[in-house]
């Protein structure tokens, strides 16, 4: 504790900035896990996140009379942490996504190439602004998204696509128990 009390103000400010980057980035990742329903991991990340936050905010509160730069370091760490958290979440590419491709005459070739990668594909015939088209739907882990899009573009360079993330899939059978605010309305 003597080190913290005797540390120069610029070093404390840098530490607060770094702690805020860590806690806000963890908050972003925790939110993704909450949305995906991964309770245990979300709880553990939340514990560490708040522990880091308390450490940072306590240093600002104790030393705010020494310099208002500490408050700026706190705010700057928050802003930077948002960007770092988003970049980290993109890099981790957790979860599953649905890829919808709208193709011209190459729809069946794209569907066959995706199936060759071991992914399930459903195709539909459609009609768009320029005439007949093929709709190709598939779902897979998000980390494979870039490769599947590149595969489709190698067959049809101007393919139009839409990507949706989701947290749950299933087959016919009983519906899962509702959670959150939906559970209130489902109680009998």
N, C-alpha and C. Protein backbone atom coordinates (compact mmCIF):
# COMPACT_ATOMS: atom_id res chain seq x y z
N UNK A 1 0.81 -1.18 0.00
CA UNK A 1 0.00 0.00 0.00
C UNK A 1 0.86 1.26 0.00
N UNK A 2 2.06 1.18 0.53
CA UNK A 2 2.94 2.35 0.55
C UNK A 2 3.30 2.77 -0.87
N UNK A 3 3.42 1.79 -1.78
CA UNK A 3 3.75 2.13 -3.16
C UNK A 3 2.65 2.98 -3.78
N UNK A 4 1.39 2.59 -3.54
CA UNK A 4 0.27 3.34 -4.11
C UNK A 4 0.21 4.74 -3.51
N UNK A 5 0.46 4.86 -2.21
CA UNK A 5 0.40 6.17 -1.57
C UNK A 5 1.53 7.09 -2.02
N UNK A 6 2.67 6.51 -2.37
CA UNK A 6 3.81 7.34 -2.76
C UNK A 6 4.00 7.43 -4.27
N UNK A 7 3.15 6.77 -5.04
CA UNK A 7 3.29 6.78 -6.51
C UNK A 7 2.97 8.16 -7.05
N UNK A 8 3.64 8.55 -8.13
CA UNK A 8 3.33 9.85 -8.74
C UNK A 8 1.91 9.84 -9.31
N UNK A 9 1.31 11.00 -9.34
CA UNK A 9 -0.08 11.14 -9.79
C UNK A 9 -0.28 10.65 -11.22
N UNK A 10 0.66 10.89 -12.10
CA UNK A 10 0.53 10.44 -13.49
C UNK A 10 0.47 8.93 -13.57
N UNK A 11 1.20 8.23 -12.69
CA UNK A 11 1.20 6.76 -12.68
C UNK A 11 -0.13 6.23 -12.16
N UNK A 12 -0.68 6.89 -11.15
CA UNK A 12 -2.00 6.50 -10.64
C UNK A 12 -3.06 6.73 -11.72
N UNK A 13 -2.97 7.85 -12.42
CA UNK A 13 -3.90 8.11 -13.51
C UNK A 13 -3.81 7.07 -14.61
N UNK A 14 -2.60 6.67 -14.94
CA UNK A 14 -2.40 5.63 -15.95
C UNK A 14 -2.98 4.30 -15.47
N UNK A 15 -2.80 4.01 -14.19
CA UNK A 15 -3.36 2.78 -13.62
C UNK A 15 -4.88 2.79 -13.65
N UNK A 16 -5.48 3.92 -13.31
CA UNK A 16 -6.94 4.05 -13.35
C UNK A 16 -7.44 3.86 -14.79
N UNK A 17 -6.76 4.49 -15.73
CA UNK A 17 -7.10 4.35 -17.15
C UNK A 17 -7.07 2.87 -17.56
N UNK A 18 -6.00 2.17 -17.19
CA UNK A 18 -5.85 0.75 -17.56
C UNK A 18 -6.92 -0.12 -16.88
N UNK A 19 -7.18 0.16 -15.61
CA UNK A 19 -8.21 -0.63 -14.90
C UNK A 19 -9.58 -0.44 -15.53
N UNK A 20 -9.90 0.77 -15.95
CA UNK A 20 -11.18 1.01 -16.60
C UNK A 20 -11.28 0.29 -17.94
N UNK A 21 -10.21 0.26 -18.68
CA UNK A 21 -10.22 -0.50 -19.94
C UNK A 21 -10.54 -1.96 -19.66
N UNK A 22 -9.90 -2.51 -18.64
CA UNK A 22 -10.12 -3.92 -18.29
C UNK A 22 -11.56 -4.14 -17.85
N UNK A 23 -12.07 -3.30 -16.93
CA UNK A 23 -13.41 -3.59 -16.41
C UNK A 23 -14.50 -3.37 -17.44
N UNK A 24 -14.38 -2.36 -18.29
CA UNK A 24 -15.41 -2.13 -19.31
C UNK A 24 -15.35 -3.22 -20.39
N UNK A 25 -14.15 -3.65 -20.75
CA UNK A 25 -14.01 -4.75 -21.72
C UNK A 25 -14.63 -6.03 -21.17
N UNK A 26 -14.37 -6.30 -19.89
CA UNK A 26 -14.99 -7.47 -19.26
C UNK A 26 -16.51 -7.34 -19.25
N UNK A 27 -17.00 -6.13 -19.04
CA UNK A 27 -18.45 -5.91 -19.06
C UNK A 27 -19.06 -6.22 -20.41
N UNK A 28 -18.36 -5.86 -21.47
CA UNK A 28 -18.84 -6.16 -22.82
C UNK A 28 -18.91 -7.67 -23.04
N UNK A 29 -17.85 -8.37 -22.66
CA UNK A 29 -17.81 -9.83 -22.84
C UNK A 29 -18.87 -10.49 -21.94
N UNK A 30 -19.03 -10.00 -20.71
CA UNK A 30 -20.03 -10.56 -19.79
C UNK A 30 -21.42 -10.41 -20.38
N UNK A 31 -21.70 -9.26 -20.99
CA UNK A 31 -23.02 -9.04 -21.60
C UNK A 31 -23.30 -10.06 -22.70
N UNK A 32 -22.29 -10.37 -23.49
CA UNK A 32 -22.46 -11.38 -24.54
C UNK A 32 -22.80 -12.73 -23.92
N UNK A 33 -22.10 -13.09 -22.84
CA UNK A 33 -22.38 -14.37 -22.18
C UNK A 33 -23.77 -14.38 -21.56
N UNK A 34 -24.23 -13.25 -21.03
CA UNK A 34 -25.58 -13.17 -20.47
C UNK A 34 -26.61 -13.41 -21.57
N UNK A 35 -26.42 -12.74 -22.71
CA UNK A 35 -27.35 -12.88 -23.83
C UNK A 35 -27.37 -14.33 -24.32
N UNK A 36 -26.21 -14.99 -24.31
CA UNK A 36 -26.14 -16.38 -24.76
C UNK A 36 -26.62 -17.37 -23.71
N UNK A 37 -26.95 -16.88 -22.51
CA UNK A 37 -27.45 -17.75 -21.45
C UNK A 37 -26.37 -18.54 -20.73
N UNK A 38 -25.13 -18.09 -20.79
CA UNK A 38 -24.02 -18.78 -20.11
C UNK A 38 -23.84 -18.18 -18.73
N UNK A 39 -24.67 -18.63 -17.81
CA UNK A 39 -24.78 -18.04 -16.48
C UNK A 39 -23.49 -18.12 -15.67
N UNK A 40 -22.88 -19.28 -15.59
CA UNK A 40 -21.70 -19.46 -14.75
C UNK A 40 -20.54 -18.57 -15.18
N UNK A 41 -20.26 -18.54 -16.46
CA UNK A 41 -19.16 -17.71 -16.97
C UNK A 41 -19.49 -16.23 -16.75
N UNK A 42 -20.74 -15.83 -16.98
CA UNK A 42 -21.15 -14.44 -16.79
C UNK A 42 -20.97 -14.01 -15.34
N UNK A 43 -21.31 -14.89 -14.41
CA UNK A 43 -21.16 -14.57 -12.98
C UNK A 43 -19.69 -14.39 -12.62
N UNK A 44 -18.84 -15.29 -13.09
CA UNK A 44 -17.41 -15.19 -12.78
C UNK A 44 -16.80 -13.91 -13.38
N UNK A 45 -17.13 -13.62 -14.62
CA UNK A 45 -16.61 -12.41 -15.25
C UNK A 45 -17.14 -11.17 -14.53
N UNK A 46 -18.41 -11.19 -14.14
CA UNK A 46 -18.99 -10.07 -13.41
C UNK A 46 -18.29 -9.81 -12.09
N UNK A 47 -17.92 -10.87 -11.39
CA UNK A 47 -17.19 -10.73 -10.12
C UNK A 47 -15.87 -10.00 -10.33
N UNK A 48 -15.10 -10.45 -11.31
CA UNK A 48 -13.80 -9.82 -11.59
C UNK A 48 -14.01 -8.38 -12.08
N UNK A 49 -15.00 -8.18 -12.93
CA UNK A 49 -15.29 -6.85 -13.47
C UNK A 49 -15.54 -5.84 -12.35
N UNK A 50 -16.39 -6.20 -11.40
CA UNK A 50 -16.72 -5.27 -10.32
C UNK A 50 -15.54 -5.08 -9.37
N UNK A 51 -14.77 -6.11 -9.16
CA UNK A 51 -13.57 -5.99 -8.32
C UNK A 51 -12.60 -4.98 -8.93
N UNK A 52 -12.40 -5.05 -10.23
CA UNK A 52 -11.52 -4.10 -10.92
C UNK A 52 -12.11 -2.70 -10.86
N UNK A 53 -13.43 -2.59 -11.07
CA UNK A 53 -14.09 -1.29 -11.03
C UNK A 53 -13.95 -0.63 -9.67
N UNK A 54 -14.19 -1.39 -8.60
CA UNK A 54 -14.08 -0.84 -7.24
C UNK A 54 -12.66 -0.34 -6.98
N UNK A 55 -11.68 -1.07 -7.45
CA UNK A 55 -10.29 -0.64 -7.28
C UNK A 55 -10.05 0.69 -7.99
N UNK A 56 -10.52 0.82 -9.21
CA UNK A 56 -10.31 2.06 -9.97
C UNK A 56 -11.06 3.23 -9.36
N UNK A 57 -12.33 3.04 -9.05
CA UNK A 57 -13.13 4.16 -8.54
C UNK A 57 -12.65 4.59 -7.16
N UNK A 58 -12.17 3.65 -6.36
CA UNK A 58 -11.68 4.03 -5.03
C UNK A 58 -10.47 4.95 -5.14
N UNK A 59 -9.61 4.70 -6.11
CA UNK A 59 -8.43 5.57 -6.29
C UNK A 59 -8.83 6.96 -6.75
N UNK A 60 -9.87 7.05 -7.57
CA UNK A 60 -10.34 8.36 -8.02
C UNK A 60 -10.96 9.11 -6.83
N UNK A 61 -11.80 8.45 -6.07
CA UNK A 61 -12.48 9.11 -4.95
C UNK A 61 -11.48 9.58 -3.90
N UNK A 62 -10.51 8.75 -3.57
CA UNK A 62 -9.52 9.10 -2.55
C UNK A 62 -8.64 10.26 -2.99
N UNK A 63 -8.33 10.34 -4.29
CA UNK A 63 -7.35 11.32 -4.76
C UNK A 63 -7.93 12.44 -5.64
N UNK A 64 -9.22 12.53 -5.74
CA UNK A 64 -9.80 13.53 -6.65
C UNK A 64 -9.40 14.95 -6.23
N UNK A 65 -9.17 15.16 -4.94
CA UNK A 65 -8.76 16.50 -4.49
C UNK A 65 -7.33 16.84 -4.92
N UNK A 66 -6.52 15.80 -5.25
CA UNK A 66 -5.16 16.04 -5.72
C UNK A 66 -5.12 16.51 -7.18
N UNK A 67 -6.00 15.94 -7.98
CA UNK A 67 -6.01 16.31 -9.39
C UNK A 67 -7.29 15.83 -10.07
N UNK A 68 -7.90 16.73 -10.83
CA UNK A 68 -9.09 16.35 -11.59
C UNK A 68 -8.73 15.50 -12.81
N UNK A 69 -7.42 15.38 -13.10
CA UNK A 69 -6.98 14.53 -14.21
C UNK A 69 -7.33 13.07 -13.95
N UNK A 70 -7.45 12.70 -12.70
CA UNK A 70 -7.82 11.31 -12.39
C UNK A 70 -9.23 10.99 -12.87
N UNK A 71 -10.13 11.96 -12.74
CA UNK A 71 -11.49 11.78 -13.27
C UNK A 71 -11.46 11.66 -14.79
N UNK A 72 -10.61 12.44 -15.43
CA UNK A 72 -10.47 12.33 -16.88
C UNK A 72 -9.89 10.98 -17.28
N UNK A 73 -8.93 10.48 -16.51
CA UNK A 73 -8.37 9.15 -16.78
C UNK A 73 -9.44 8.08 -16.63
N UNK A 74 -10.30 8.24 -15.62
CA UNK A 74 -11.40 7.31 -15.39
C UNK A 74 -12.35 7.30 -16.59
N UNK A 75 -12.74 8.50 -17.05
CA UNK A 75 -13.66 8.62 -18.19
C UNK A 75 -13.02 8.12 -19.48
N UNK A 76 -11.75 8.46 -19.68
CA UNK A 76 -11.05 8.02 -20.89
C UNK A 76 -10.90 6.50 -20.91
N UNK A 77 -10.66 5.92 -19.75
CA UNK A 77 -10.57 4.46 -19.66
C UNK A 77 -11.90 3.80 -20.01
N UNK A 78 -13.00 4.42 -19.57
CA UNK A 78 -14.33 3.91 -19.91
C UNK A 78 -14.55 3.93 -21.41
N UNK A 79 -14.26 5.07 -22.04
CA UNK A 79 -14.47 5.21 -23.48
C UNK A 79 -13.59 4.23 -24.26
N UNK A 80 -12.33 4.13 -23.87
CA UNK A 80 -11.41 3.22 -24.56
C UNK A 80 -11.81 1.77 -24.31
N UNK A 81 -12.28 1.49 -23.10
CA UNK A 81 -12.73 0.13 -22.77
C UNK A 81 -13.88 -0.34 -23.64
N UNK A 82 -14.78 0.59 -24.00
CA UNK A 82 -15.87 0.23 -24.92
C UNK A 82 -15.32 -0.24 -26.25
N UNK A 83 -14.38 0.52 -26.80
CA UNK A 83 -13.79 0.14 -28.09
C UNK A 83 -13.03 -1.17 -27.98
N UNK A 84 -12.23 -1.32 -26.92
CA UNK A 84 -11.46 -2.55 -26.74
C UNK A 84 -12.39 -3.74 -26.55
N UNK A 85 -13.46 -3.56 -25.79
CA UNK A 85 -14.42 -4.64 -25.57
C UNK A 85 -15.09 -5.10 -26.86
N UNK A 86 -15.47 -4.14 -27.69
CA UNK A 86 -16.09 -4.48 -28.98
C UNK A 86 -15.11 -5.22 -29.88
N UNK A 87 -13.88 -4.71 -29.95
CA UNK A 87 -12.86 -5.38 -30.78
C UNK A 87 -12.56 -6.79 -30.26
N UNK A 88 -12.51 -6.93 -28.94
CA UNK A 88 -12.26 -8.24 -28.34
C UNK A 88 -13.40 -9.21 -28.63
N UNK A 89 -14.63 -8.72 -28.52
CA UNK A 89 -15.79 -9.57 -28.81
C UNK A 89 -15.79 -10.01 -30.27
N UNK A 90 -15.43 -9.11 -31.17
CA UNK A 90 -15.35 -9.49 -32.59
C UNK A 90 -14.27 -10.53 -32.81
N UNK A 91 -13.14 -10.36 -32.14
CA UNK A 91 -12.03 -11.30 -32.30
C UNK A 91 -12.39 -12.69 -31.76
N UNK A 92 -13.09 -12.73 -30.63
CA UNK A 92 -13.48 -14.02 -30.05
C UNK A 92 -14.56 -14.70 -30.87
N UNK A 93 -15.42 -13.92 -31.53
CA UNK A 93 -16.50 -14.42 -32.40
C UNK A 93 -17.26 -15.56 -31.73
N UNK A 94 -17.78 -15.29 -30.54
CA UNK A 94 -18.52 -16.31 -29.80
C UNK A 94 -19.94 -16.44 -30.35
N UNK A 95 -20.51 -17.59 -30.19
CA UNK A 95 -21.90 -17.80 -30.55
C UNK A 95 -22.09 -18.34 -31.96
N UNK A 96 -23.33 -18.28 -32.37
CA UNK A 96 -23.75 -18.85 -33.64
C UNK A 96 -24.43 -17.76 -34.46
N UNK A 97 -24.38 -17.91 -35.77
CA UNK A 97 -25.03 -16.93 -36.64
C UNK A 97 -25.79 -17.63 -37.75
N UNK A 98 -26.70 -16.90 -38.33
CA UNK A 98 -27.44 -17.33 -39.52
C UNK A 98 -26.95 -16.47 -40.66
N UNK A 99 -26.61 -17.12 -41.76
CA UNK A 99 -26.18 -16.40 -42.96
C UNK A 99 -27.26 -16.62 -44.01
N UNK A 100 -27.78 -15.50 -44.53
CA UNK A 100 -28.78 -15.55 -45.60
C UNK A 100 -28.14 -14.93 -46.84
N UNK A 101 -28.06 -15.71 -47.88
CA UNK A 101 -27.47 -15.27 -49.14
C UNK A 101 -28.57 -15.15 -50.18
N UNK A 102 -28.54 -14.07 -50.93
CA UNK A 102 -29.46 -13.91 -52.06
C UNK A 102 -28.58 -13.89 -53.30
N UNK A 103 -28.75 -14.91 -54.12
CA UNK A 103 -27.84 -15.11 -55.25
C UNK A 103 -28.59 -15.09 -56.57
N UNK A 104 -27.83 -15.03 -57.61
CA UNK A 104 -28.40 -15.13 -58.96
C UNK A 104 -28.48 -16.60 -59.34
N UNK A 105 -27.91 -16.92 -60.48
CA UNK A 105 -27.99 -18.30 -60.99
C UNK A 105 -27.04 -19.26 -60.29
N UNK A 106 -26.17 -18.75 -59.41
CA UNK A 106 -25.18 -19.60 -58.74
C UNK A 106 -25.63 -20.10 -57.37
N UNK A 107 -26.87 -19.96 -57.03
CA UNK A 107 -27.36 -20.36 -55.71
C UNK A 107 -27.11 -21.80 -55.37
N UNK A 108 -27.40 -22.70 -56.32
CA UNK A 108 -27.19 -24.13 -56.04
C UNK A 108 -25.71 -24.47 -55.89
N UNK A 109 -24.85 -23.82 -56.67
CA UNK A 109 -23.41 -24.06 -56.55
C UNK A 109 -22.90 -23.59 -55.19
N UNK A 110 -23.38 -22.43 -54.73
CA UNK A 110 -22.98 -21.94 -53.42
C UNK A 110 -23.47 -22.88 -52.33
N UNK A 111 -24.73 -23.31 -52.42
CA UNK A 111 -25.29 -24.23 -51.42
C UNK A 111 -24.49 -25.53 -51.38
N UNK A 112 -24.14 -26.07 -52.54
CA UNK A 112 -23.35 -27.31 -52.58
C UNK A 112 -21.96 -27.13 -51.97
N UNK A 113 -21.34 -25.98 -52.22
CA UNK A 113 -20.01 -25.71 -51.66
C UNK A 113 -20.08 -25.59 -50.13
N UNK A 114 -21.14 -24.97 -49.64
CA UNK A 114 -21.30 -24.86 -48.18
C UNK A 114 -21.59 -26.22 -47.57
N UNK A 115 -22.42 -27.01 -48.23
CA UNK A 115 -22.69 -28.37 -47.74
C UNK A 115 -21.41 -29.22 -47.72
N UNK A 116 -20.53 -29.00 -48.70
CA UNK A 116 -19.27 -29.74 -48.75
C UNK A 116 -18.40 -29.44 -47.52
N UNK A 117 -18.64 -28.32 -46.88
CA UNK A 117 -17.93 -27.97 -45.64
C UNK A 117 -18.59 -28.58 -44.41
N UNK A 118 -19.65 -29.36 -44.62
CA UNK A 118 -20.32 -30.02 -43.51
C UNK A 118 -21.39 -29.21 -42.84
N UNK A 119 -21.81 -28.12 -43.46
CA UNK A 119 -22.84 -27.27 -42.88
C UNK A 119 -24.19 -27.56 -43.51
N UNK A 120 -25.24 -27.43 -42.71
CA UNK A 120 -26.60 -27.61 -43.21
C UNK A 120 -27.01 -26.36 -43.97
N UNK A 121 -27.67 -26.56 -45.10
CA UNK A 121 -28.08 -25.45 -45.96
C UNK A 121 -29.52 -25.70 -46.41
N UNK A 122 -30.30 -24.63 -46.45
CA UNK A 122 -31.65 -24.68 -47.00
C UNK A 122 -31.74 -23.64 -48.10
N UNK A 123 -32.32 -24.01 -49.22
CA UNK A 123 -32.45 -23.07 -50.34
C UNK A 123 -33.92 -22.85 -50.67
N UNK A 124 -34.21 -21.68 -51.18
CA UNK A 124 -35.55 -21.31 -51.60
C UNK A 124 -35.44 -20.61 -52.95
N UNK A 125 -36.44 -20.80 -53.77
CA UNK A 125 -36.53 -20.03 -55.01
C UNK A 125 -37.23 -18.72 -54.70
N UNK A 126 -36.74 -17.66 -55.29
CA UNK A 126 -37.32 -16.35 -55.04
C UNK A 126 -37.39 -15.53 -56.29
N UNK A 127 -37.97 -14.37 -56.13
CA UNK A 127 -38.06 -13.44 -57.25
C UNK A 127 -37.76 -12.05 -56.70
N UNK A 128 -36.73 -11.42 -57.23
CA UNK A 128 -36.32 -10.10 -56.78
C UNK A 128 -36.52 -9.05 -57.84
N UNK A 129 -35.93 -7.91 -57.61
CA UNK A 129 -36.07 -6.78 -58.52
C UNK A 129 -35.54 -7.11 -59.92
N UNK A 130 -34.46 -7.93 -59.98
CA UNK A 130 -33.90 -8.27 -61.30
C UNK A 130 -34.34 -9.64 -61.81
N UNK A 131 -35.36 -10.20 -61.21
CA UNK A 131 -35.86 -11.48 -61.71
C UNK A 131 -35.67 -12.61 -60.72
N UNK A 132 -35.53 -13.82 -61.27
CA UNK A 132 -35.42 -15.01 -60.41
C UNK A 132 -34.12 -14.98 -59.61
N UNK A 133 -34.20 -15.50 -58.38
CA UNK A 133 -33.02 -15.58 -57.53
C UNK A 133 -33.14 -16.81 -56.64
N UNK A 134 -32.07 -17.11 -55.95
CA UNK A 134 -32.05 -18.24 -55.02
C UNK A 134 -31.69 -17.69 -53.65
N UNK A 135 -32.43 -18.09 -52.63
CA UNK A 135 -32.13 -17.73 -51.25
C UNK A 135 -31.48 -18.93 -50.59
N UNK A 136 -30.33 -18.71 -49.99
CA UNK A 136 -29.56 -19.77 -49.36
C UNK A 136 -29.42 -19.42 -47.88
N UNK A 137 -29.92 -20.31 -46.99
CA UNK A 137 -29.84 -20.08 -45.55
C UNK A 137 -28.96 -21.15 -44.92
N UNK A 138 -28.11 -20.72 -44.00
CA UNK A 138 -27.29 -21.67 -43.25
C UNK A 138 -26.96 -21.07 -41.88
N UNK A 139 -26.66 -21.91 -40.91
CA UNK A 139 -26.22 -21.42 -39.60
C UNK A 139 -24.99 -22.20 -39.19
N UNK A 140 -24.11 -21.54 -38.43
CA UNK A 140 -22.83 -22.14 -38.05
C UNK A 140 -22.19 -21.27 -36.98
N UNK A 141 -21.10 -21.75 -36.36
CA UNK A 141 -20.39 -20.92 -35.38
C UNK A 141 -19.87 -19.64 -36.02
N UNK A 142 -19.99 -18.53 -35.31
CA UNK A 142 -19.61 -17.22 -35.84
C UNK A 142 -18.17 -17.15 -36.30
N UNK A 143 -17.29 -17.91 -35.69
CA UNK A 143 -15.87 -17.82 -36.07
C UNK A 143 -15.62 -18.30 -37.48
N UNK A 144 -16.59 -19.02 -38.08
CA UNK A 144 -16.44 -19.49 -39.46
C UNK A 144 -17.07 -18.53 -40.47
N UNK A 145 -17.64 -17.42 -39.99
CA UNK A 145 -18.38 -16.51 -40.88
C UNK A 145 -17.54 -16.00 -42.04
N UNK A 146 -16.36 -15.50 -41.76
CA UNK A 146 -15.50 -14.94 -42.81
C UNK A 146 -15.23 -15.98 -43.90
N UNK A 147 -14.91 -17.20 -43.50
CA UNK A 147 -14.60 -18.25 -44.48
C UNK A 147 -15.80 -18.60 -45.35
N UNK A 148 -16.99 -18.66 -44.75
CA UNK A 148 -18.19 -19.02 -45.53
C UNK A 148 -18.54 -17.90 -46.51
N UNK A 149 -18.41 -16.66 -46.06
CA UNK A 149 -18.69 -15.54 -46.97
C UNK A 149 -17.68 -15.53 -48.12
N UNK A 150 -16.41 -15.77 -47.81
CA UNK A 150 -15.39 -15.82 -48.86
C UNK A 150 -15.68 -16.96 -49.85
N UNK A 151 -16.14 -18.09 -49.35
CA UNK A 151 -16.50 -19.20 -50.21
C UNK A 151 -17.63 -18.79 -51.16
N UNK A 152 -18.66 -18.15 -50.62
CA UNK A 152 -19.78 -17.70 -51.47
C UNK A 152 -19.31 -16.67 -52.50
N UNK A 153 -18.45 -15.75 -52.07
CA UNK A 153 -17.94 -14.72 -53.00
C UNK A 153 -17.03 -15.31 -54.07
N UNK A 154 -16.38 -16.41 -53.77
CA UNK A 154 -15.52 -17.03 -54.79
C UNK A 154 -16.37 -17.60 -55.93
N UNK A 155 -17.61 -17.93 -55.63
CA UNK A 155 -18.51 -18.47 -56.65
C UNK A 155 -19.31 -17.34 -57.31
N UNK A 156 -19.77 -16.40 -56.50
CA UNK A 156 -20.53 -15.26 -57.02
C UNK A 156 -20.03 -13.99 -56.31
N UNK A 157 -19.15 -13.26 -56.95
CA UNK A 157 -18.48 -12.12 -56.29
C UNK A 157 -19.43 -11.05 -55.74
N UNK A 158 -20.57 -10.84 -56.35
CA UNK A 158 -21.50 -9.80 -55.90
C UNK A 158 -22.68 -10.35 -55.11
N UNK A 159 -22.50 -11.47 -54.45
CA UNK A 159 -23.59 -12.07 -53.68
C UNK A 159 -24.00 -11.11 -52.56
N UNK A 160 -25.30 -10.98 -52.35
CA UNK A 160 -25.84 -10.16 -51.27
C UNK A 160 -26.07 -11.07 -50.07
N UNK A 161 -25.68 -10.61 -48.89
CA UNK A 161 -25.86 -11.46 -47.71
C UNK A 161 -26.28 -10.65 -46.49
N UNK A 162 -26.92 -11.34 -45.56
CA UNK A 162 -27.34 -10.77 -44.28
C UNK A 162 -26.91 -11.75 -43.21
N UNK A 163 -26.34 -11.23 -42.13
CA UNK A 163 -25.89 -12.06 -41.02
C UNK A 163 -26.69 -11.68 -39.78
N UNK A 164 -27.23 -12.69 -39.10
CA UNK A 164 -27.93 -12.50 -37.82
C UNK A 164 -27.28 -13.37 -36.77
N UNK A 165 -27.11 -12.82 -35.59
CA UNK A 165 -26.62 -13.62 -34.46
C UNK A 165 -27.83 -14.10 -33.67
N UNK A 166 -27.68 -15.24 -33.04
CA UNK A 166 -28.75 -15.73 -32.18
C UNK A 166 -28.14 -16.54 -31.05
N UNK A 167 -28.95 -16.82 -30.05
CA UNK A 167 -28.41 -17.51 -28.88
C UNK A 167 -28.97 -18.90 -28.69
N UNK A 168 -29.98 -19.27 -29.45
CA UNK A 168 -30.58 -20.57 -29.20
C UNK A 168 -31.15 -21.16 -30.49
N UNK A 169 -30.99 -22.46 -30.65
CA UNK A 169 -31.62 -23.18 -31.74
C UNK A 169 -32.31 -24.39 -31.15
N UNK A 170 -33.13 -25.04 -31.93
CA UNK A 170 -33.80 -26.23 -31.43
C UNK A 170 -34.56 -26.91 -32.54
N UNK A 171 -35.11 -28.04 -32.20
CA UNK A 171 -35.95 -28.79 -33.12
C UNK A 171 -37.33 -28.89 -32.50
N UNK A 172 -38.25 -29.52 -33.22
CA UNK A 172 -39.61 -29.66 -32.70
C UNK A 172 -39.58 -30.37 -31.36
N UNK A 173 -40.45 -29.99 -30.50
CA UNK A 173 -40.53 -30.56 -29.16
C UNK A 173 -40.99 -29.49 -28.20
N UNK A 174 -40.95 -29.80 -26.91
CA UNK A 174 -41.42 -28.81 -25.94
C UNK A 174 -40.53 -27.57 -25.96
N UNK A 175 -41.14 -26.43 -25.80
CA UNK A 175 -40.40 -25.18 -25.76
C UNK A 175 -39.64 -25.06 -24.45
N UNK A 176 -38.48 -24.40 -24.47
CA UNK A 176 -37.75 -24.20 -23.22
C UNK A 176 -38.53 -23.29 -22.29
N UNK A 177 -38.25 -23.38 -21.00
CA UNK A 177 -38.93 -22.52 -20.03
C UNK A 177 -38.53 -21.06 -20.28
N UNK A 178 -39.51 -20.17 -20.25
CA UNK A 178 -39.18 -18.76 -20.46
C UNK A 178 -38.32 -18.23 -19.32
N UNK A 179 -37.51 -17.25 -19.65
CA UNK A 179 -36.65 -16.64 -18.64
C UNK A 179 -36.88 -15.14 -18.63
N UNK A 180 -36.36 -14.47 -17.63
CA UNK A 180 -36.45 -13.02 -17.56
C UNK A 180 -37.88 -12.54 -17.41
N UNK A 181 -38.19 -11.42 -18.02
CA UNK A 181 -39.51 -10.81 -17.87
C UNK A 181 -40.61 -11.67 -18.48
N UNK A 182 -40.26 -12.53 -19.45
CA UNK A 182 -41.27 -13.39 -20.07
C UNK A 182 -41.82 -14.40 -19.09
N UNK A 183 -41.00 -14.82 -18.14
CA UNK A 183 -41.41 -15.82 -17.16
C UNK A 183 -42.56 -15.31 -16.29
N UNK A 184 -42.63 -14.01 -16.06
CA UNK A 184 -43.67 -13.43 -15.22
C UNK A 184 -45.03 -13.67 -15.85
N UNK A 185 -45.13 -13.53 -17.15
CA UNK A 185 -46.40 -13.68 -17.84
C UNK A 185 -46.76 -15.12 -18.12
N UNK A 186 -45.82 -16.04 -18.00
CA UNK A 186 -46.07 -17.43 -18.31
C UNK A 186 -46.48 -18.25 -17.08
N UNK A 187 -46.37 -17.68 -15.88
CA UNK A 187 -46.72 -18.43 -14.67
C UNK A 187 -48.19 -18.67 -14.62
N UNK A 188 -48.57 -19.85 -14.12
CA UNK A 188 -50.00 -20.20 -14.05
C UNK A 188 -50.44 -20.24 -12.62
